[in-house]
Amino acid sequence: MKRIRLSIDGMTCGHCSKSVHDALMSMDGVRSCDVRLEANCADLAVVSAVEISAIAEKVADAGYRLIGFSPLRSHPASDGEAS
């Protein structure tokens, strides 16, 4: 599982962020999606096989534009916890 942050252009309201959320969650391999309208971004947890090009296409199909992405660091497990 990997976590990535997407920078998305064109979201202006709650309906926009819901459209992006629903589009991304419809993808095979997307496990979670947190869209933040005020930051124009979405944080995703995806299986490794999900390609950025497919994510960009899904965002575009919803009417928005992926303008960047970056990996998010996972929090290391505390001593004694399973990862």
Protein backbone atom coordinates (compact mmCIF):
# COMPACT_ATOMS: atom_id res chain seq x y z
CA MET A 1 0.00 0.00 0.00
CA LYS A 2 1.27 3.46 -0.80
CA ARG A 3 -0.03 6.91 0.09
CA ILE A 4 0.07 9.84 -2.29
CA ARG A 5 -1.07 13.46 -2.24
CA LEU A 6 -2.65 14.84 -5.39
CA SER A 7 -2.80 18.54 -6.25
CA ILE A 8 -6.03 19.16 -8.15
CA ASP A 9 -7.04 22.26 -10.11
CA GLY A 10 -10.63 23.38 -10.62
CA MET A 11 -12.39 22.42 -7.39
CA THR A 12 -14.47 25.35 -6.13
CA CYS A 13 -17.20 23.87 -3.92
CA GLY A 14 -18.31 20.89 -1.90
CA HIS A 15 -19.90 19.30 -4.95
CA CYS A 16 -16.54 19.48 -6.74
CA SER A 17 -14.72 17.72 -3.93
CA LYS A 18 -17.43 15.04 -3.75
CA SER A 19 -17.16 14.49 -7.52
CA VAL A 20 -13.40 14.00 -7.23
CA HIS A 21 -13.80 11.73 -4.19
CA ASP A 22 -16.41 9.55 -5.89
CA ALA A 23 -14.38 9.32 -9.12
CA LEU A 24 -11.22 8.26 -7.30
CA MET A 25 -12.99 5.80 -5.00
CA SER A 26 -14.50 4.10 -8.07
CA MET A 27 -11.00 3.03 -9.16
CA ASP A 28 -9.78 -0.50 -8.53
CA GLY A 29 -6.93 -0.31 -6.06
CA VAL A 30 -7.92 2.92 -4.30
CA ARG A 31 -8.44 2.03 -0.63
CA SER A 32 -9.15 5.49 0.81
CA CYS A 33 -9.49 9.07 -0.39
CA ASP A 34 -9.58 12.30 1.63
CA VAL A 35 -10.33 15.32 -0.58
CA ARG A 36 -9.63 18.74 0.97
CA LEU A 37 -11.28 21.52 -0.99
CA GLU A 38 -9.54 24.36 0.87
CA ALA A 39 -6.12 22.88 0.06
CA ASN A 40 -7.03 21.76 -3.48
CA CYS A 41 -5.66 18.32 -2.75
CA ALA A 42 -6.59 14.70 -2.16
CA ASP A 43 -4.72 12.14 -0.08
CA LEU A 44 -5.02 8.59 -1.39
CA ALA A 45 -4.10 5.17 -0.09
CA VAL A 46 -3.65 2.87 -3.07
CA VAL A 47 -2.26 -0.53 -3.89
CA SER A 48 1.09 -0.33 -5.62
CA ALA A 49 -0.33 -1.29 -9.03
CA VAL A 50 -2.35 1.94 -9.41
CA GLU A 51 -0.68 4.22 -11.97
CA ILE A 52 -0.61 8.01 -11.71
CA SER A 53 -1.67 8.24 -15.36
CA ALA A 54 -4.88 6.33 -14.55
CA ILE A 55 -5.52 8.60 -11.56
CA ALA A 56 -4.99 11.71 -13.73
CA GLU A 57 -7.41 10.34 -16.33
CA LYS A 58 -10.07 9.66 -13.67
CA VAL A 59 -9.66 13.21 -12.28
CA ALA A 60 -9.96 14.62 -15.82
CA ASP A 61 -13.06 12.50 -16.51
CA ALA A 62 -14.64 14.15 -13.44
CA GLY A 63 -13.90 17.58 -14.96
CA TYR A 64 -10.77 18.60 -13.02
CA ARG A 65 -7.03 18.58 -13.61
CA LEU A 66 -4.28 16.79 -11.74
CA ILE A 67 -1.46 19.34 -11.51
CA GLY A 68 0.95 17.43 -9.30
CA PHE A 69 1.46 14.58 -6.89
CA SER A 70 3.88 13.52 -4.18
CA PRO A 71 4.33 10.45 -2.01
CA LEU A 72 3.19 10.70 1.60
CA ARG A 73 5.29 9.12 4.29
CA SER A 74 3.65 6.49 6.40
CA HIS A 75 3.96 6.85 10.14
CA PRO A 76 6.34 4.23 11.48
CA ALA A 77 4.77 1.71 13.84
CA SER A 78 5.56 2.13 17.53
CA ASP A 79 7.64 -0.52 19.26
CA GLY A 80 5.58 -3.63 19.77
CA GLU A 81 2.92 -2.75 17.17
CA ALA A 82 2.43 -4.70 13.98
CA SER A 83 2.96 -2.70 10.81
